C-alpha atoms as a PDB file:
ATOM      1  CA  MET A   1      50.402 -27.584  50.570  1.00  0.00           C
ATOM      2  CA  THR A   2      52.802 -29.166  52.931  1.00  0.00           C
ATOM      3  CA  ILE A   3      52.681 -32.505  53.918  1.00  0.00           C
ATOM      4  CA  ILE A   4      54.297 -33.692  57.130  1.00  0.00           C
ATOM      5  CA  TYR A   5      53.935 -37.147  59.029  1.00  0.00           C
ATOM      6  CA  ASN A   6      55.201 -37.349  62.467  1.00  0.00           C
ATOM      7  CA  HIS A   7      54.962 -40.655  64.566  1.00  0.00           C
ATOM      8  CA  HIS A   8      55.709 -42.012  67.804  1.00  0.00           C
ATOM      9  CA  ILE A   9      55.374 -45.501  69.485  1.00  0.00           C
ATOM     10  CA  GLU A  10      53.094 -46.218  72.520  1.00  0.00           C
ATOM     11  CA  ASN A  11      52.642 -49.766  73.428  1.00  0.00           C
ATOM     12  CA  ASP A  12      54.156 -51.043  70.370  1.00  0.00           C
ATOM     13  CA  ILE A  13      51.663 -49.203  68.150  1.00  0.00           C
ATOM     14  CA  CYS A  14      52.792 -46.700  65.585  1.00  0.00           C
ATOM     15  CA  VAL A  15      50.899 -43.338  65.984  1.00  0.00           C
ATOM     16  CA  ILE A  16      51.201 -41.155  62.809  1.00  0.00           C
ATOM     17  CA  THR A  17      50.001 -37.659  62.944  1.00  0.00           C
ATOM     18  CA  VAL A  18      49.091 -36.134  59.610  1.00  0.00           C
ATOM     19  CA  MET A  19      49.664 -32.452  59.369  1.00  0.00           C
ATOM     20  CA  GLY A  20      48.424 -30.501  56.328  1.00  0.00           C
ATOM     21  CA  GLU A  21      47.002 -33.046  54.087  1.00  0.00           C
ATOM     22  CA  ILE A  22      47.284 -36.809  53.164  1.00  0.00           C
ATOM     23  CA  GLY A  23      49.961 -37.483  50.448  1.00  0.00           C
ATOM     24  CA  GLU A  24      50.797 -40.338  48.096  1.00  0.00           C
ATOM     25  CA  ASP A  25      53.554 -41.269  50.210  1.00  0.00           C
ATOM     26  CA  LEU A  26      51.532 -41.989  53.304  1.00  0.00           C
ATOM     27  CA  CYS A  27      51.708 -45.926  52.290  1.00  0.00           C
ATOM     28  CA  ARG A  28      55.501 -45.691  52.006  1.00  0.00           C
ATOM     29  CA  TYR A  29      55.827 -43.906  55.361  1.00  0.00           C
ATOM     30  CA  ILE A  30      53.657 -46.552  56.876  1.00  0.00           C
ATOM     31  CA  GLU A  31      55.713 -49.294  55.481  1.00  0.00           C
ATOM     32  CA  GLU A  32      58.781 -47.885  56.987  1.00  0.00           C
ATOM     33  CA  CYS A  33      57.079 -47.749  60.474  1.00  0.00           C
ATOM     34  CA  LEU A  34      55.953 -51.549  60.165  1.00  0.00           C
ATOM     35  CA  THR A  35      59.501 -52.531  59.770  1.00  0.00           C
ATOM     36  CA  HIS A  36      59.823 -51.855  63.423  1.00  0.00           C
ATOM     37  CA  TYR A  37      56.232 -51.959  64.961  1.00  0.00           C
ATOM     38  CA  LEU A  38      54.065 -54.779  63.975  1.00  0.00           C
ATOM     39  CA  LYS A  39      50.956 -54.528  66.508  1.00  0.00           C
ATOM     40  CA  GLY A  40      48.959 -51.839  64.713  1.00  0.00           C
ATOM     41  CA  VAL A  41      48.546 -48.357  63.299  1.00  0.00           C
ATOM     42  CA  VAL A  42      46.798 -45.343  64.551  1.00  0.00           C
ATOM     43  CA  ILE A  43      46.577 -42.309  62.196  1.00  0.00           C
ATOM     44  CA  ASN A  44      45.710 -39.210  63.840  1.00  0.00           C
ATOM     45  CA  LEU A  45      43.941 -36.499  61.550  1.00  0.00           C
ATOM     46  CA  LYS A  46      43.651 -33.798  64.223  1.00  0.00           C
ATOM     47  CA  LYS A  47      45.839 -31.458  62.068  1.00  0.00           C
ATOM     48  CA  LEU A  48      44.499 -32.371  58.534  1.00  0.00           C
ATOM     49  CA  GLU A  49      42.776 -29.505  56.926  1.00  0.00           C
ATOM     50  CA  LYS A  50      40.279 -31.367  54.725  1.00  0.00           C
ATOM     51  CA  LEU A  51      39.714 -34.883  53.620  1.00  0.00           C
ATOM     52  CA  ASN A  52      39.315 -35.360  49.854  1.00  0.00           C
ATOM     53  CA  SER A  53      38.903 -38.006  47.115  1.00  0.00           C
ATOM     54  CA  SER A  54      42.704 -38.346  47.114  1.00  0.00           C
ATOM     55  CA  ALA A  55      42.912 -38.702  50.656  1.00  0.00           C
ATOM     56  CA  PHE A  56      40.202 -41.171  50.873  1.00  0.00           C
ATOM     57  CA  GLY A  57      41.866 -43.282  48.158  1.00  0.00           C
ATOM     58  CA  MET A  58      45.117 -43.038  50.054  1.00  0.00           C
ATOM     59  CA  LEU A  59      43.331 -44.233  53.178  1.00  0.00           C
ATOM     60  CA  MET A  60      41.974 -47.233  51.380  1.00  0.00           C
ATOM     61  CA  GLN A  61      45.220 -48.152  50.221  1.00  0.00           C
ATOM     62  CA  VAL A  62      46.888 -48.165  53.555  1.00  0.00           C
ATOM     63  CA  ASP A  63      43.869 -50.091  54.916  1.00  0.00           C
ATOM     64  CA  LYS A  64      44.384 -52.795  52.282  1.00  0.00           C
ATOM     65  CA  LYS A  65      48.370 -52.795  52.717  1.00  0.00           C
ATOM     66  CA  LEU A  66      47.837 -53.080  56.542  1.00  0.00           C
ATOM     67  CA  ARG A  67      45.295 -56.066  56.100  1.00  0.00           C
ATOM     68  CA  SER A  68      47.895 -57.923  53.962  1.00  0.00           C
ATOM     69  CA  TYR A  69      50.103 -57.681  56.859  1.00  0.00           C
ATOM     70  CA  GLN A  70      47.486 -58.644  59.325  1.00  0.00           C
ATOM     71  CA  VAL A  71      47.825 -55.248  61.103  1.00  0.00           C
ATOM     72  CA  LYS A  72      44.950 -53.397  62.483  1.00  0.00           C
ATOM     73  CA  LEU A  73      44.367 -49.745  61.531  1.00  0.00           C
ATOM     74  CA  ALA A  74      42.480 -46.990  63.332  1.00  0.00           C
ATOM     75  CA  ILE A  75      41.751 -43.398  62.743  1.00  0.00           C
ATOM     76  CA  CYS A  76      41.356 -40.839  65.364  1.00  0.00           C
ATOM     77  CA  GLU A  77      40.727 -37.215  66.128  1.00  0.00           C
ATOM     78  CA  LEU A  78      38.787 -36.186  63.010  1.00  0.00           C
ATOM     79  CA  SER A  79      37.357 -32.634  62.765  1.00  0.00           C
ATOM     80  CA  ALA A  80      33.581 -32.659  62.687  1.00  0.00           C
ATOM     81  CA  GLY A  81      33.248 -31.896  59.020  1.00  0.00           C
ATOM     82  CA  ASN A  82      35.885 -34.636  58.123  1.00  0.00           C
ATOM     83  CA  ALA A  83      34.237 -37.049  60.478  1.00  0.00           C
ATOM     84  CA  ARG A  84      30.807 -36.257  58.520  1.00  0.00           C
ATOM     85  CA  LEU A  85      32.597 -37.067  55.253  1.00  0.00           C
ATOM     86  CA  PHE A  86      34.186 -40.292  56.654  1.00  0.00           C
ATOM     87  CA  GLN A  87      30.901 -41.420  57.903  1.00  0.00           C
ATOM     88  CA  ASN A  88      29.103 -40.773  54.387  1.00  0.00           C
ATOM     89  CA  THR A  89      31.661 -43.088  52.615  1.00  0.00           C
ATOM     90  CA  LEU A  90      32.548 -46.722  52.475  1.00  0.00           C
ATOM     91  CA  LEU A  91      35.610 -45.990  54.618  1.00  0.00           C
ATOM     92  CA  GLY A  92      33.319 -45.054  57.637  1.00  0.00           C
ATOM     93  CA  GLU A  93      32.210 -48.841  57.162  1.00  0.00           C
ATOM     94  CA  ILE A  94      35.835 -50.183  56.856  1.00  0.00           C
ATOM     95  CA  ILE A  95      38.200 -48.374  59.050  1.00  0.00           C
ATOM     96  CA  ASP A  96      37.321 -47.751  62.971  1.00  0.00           C
ATOM     97  CA  VAL A  97      37.218 -44.061  63.899  1.00  0.00           C
ATOM     98  CA  TYR A  98      37.730 -42.898  67.420  1.00  0.00           C
ATOM     99  CA  ALA A  99      37.197 -39.495  69.037  1.00  0.00           C
ATOM    100  CA  ILE A 100      40.700 -39.436  71.097  1.00  0.00           C
ATOM    101  CA  GLU A 101      43.971 -40.919  70.262  1.00  0.00           C
ATOM    102  CA  GLY A 102      43.885 -43.153  73.485  1.00  0.00           C
ATOM    103  CA  GLU A 103      40.781 -44.911  72.675  1.00  0.00           C
ATOM    104  CA  ALA A 104      42.061 -45.723  69.055  1.00  0.00           C
ATOM    105  CA  ILE A 105      45.521 -47.172  70.657  1.00  0.00           C
ATOM    106  CA  LYS A 106      43.251 -49.135  73.357  1.00  0.00           C
ATOM    107  CA  SER A 107      41.139 -50.482  70.284  1.00  0.00           C
ATOM    108  CA  VAL A 108      44.293 -51.623  68.270  1.00  0.00           C
ATOM    109  CA  LEU A 109      45.920 -53.411  71.396  1.00  0.00           C
ATOM    110  CA  ASN A 110      42.724 -55.191  72.178  1.00  0.00           C
ATOM    111  CA  ALA A 111      42.532 -56.345  68.524  1.00  0.00           C
ATOM    112  CA  THR A 112      46.064 -57.591  68.529  1.00  0.00           C
ATOM    113  CA  ASP A 113      46.041 -59.376  71.963  1.00  0.00           C
ATOM    114  CA  PRO A 114      45.707 -63.151  71.671  1.00  0.00           C
END
């Protein structure tokens, strides 16, 4: 399976789109983004095929890493099936999930405003 991450910056928020599946290098990719953009991270999973245990573990690592930097994380645009899986796990209680990217960005911005 091909793993591709793309990102763009919106209001000093790094928005990462995952295509294919989540790989072990997601933490490293996010750390590279954080060297330039410190307000927050939104991970758009609209093009993610399926959440699996490895993906859940990687998202937990990402959340832990971002919390250590005091950077807010939000997830957006999960498919219906992935959203159900997400809600039925601990991650659904830890990481905020939004239907659309704009809502996730707004939430992260509001969390980082003094």
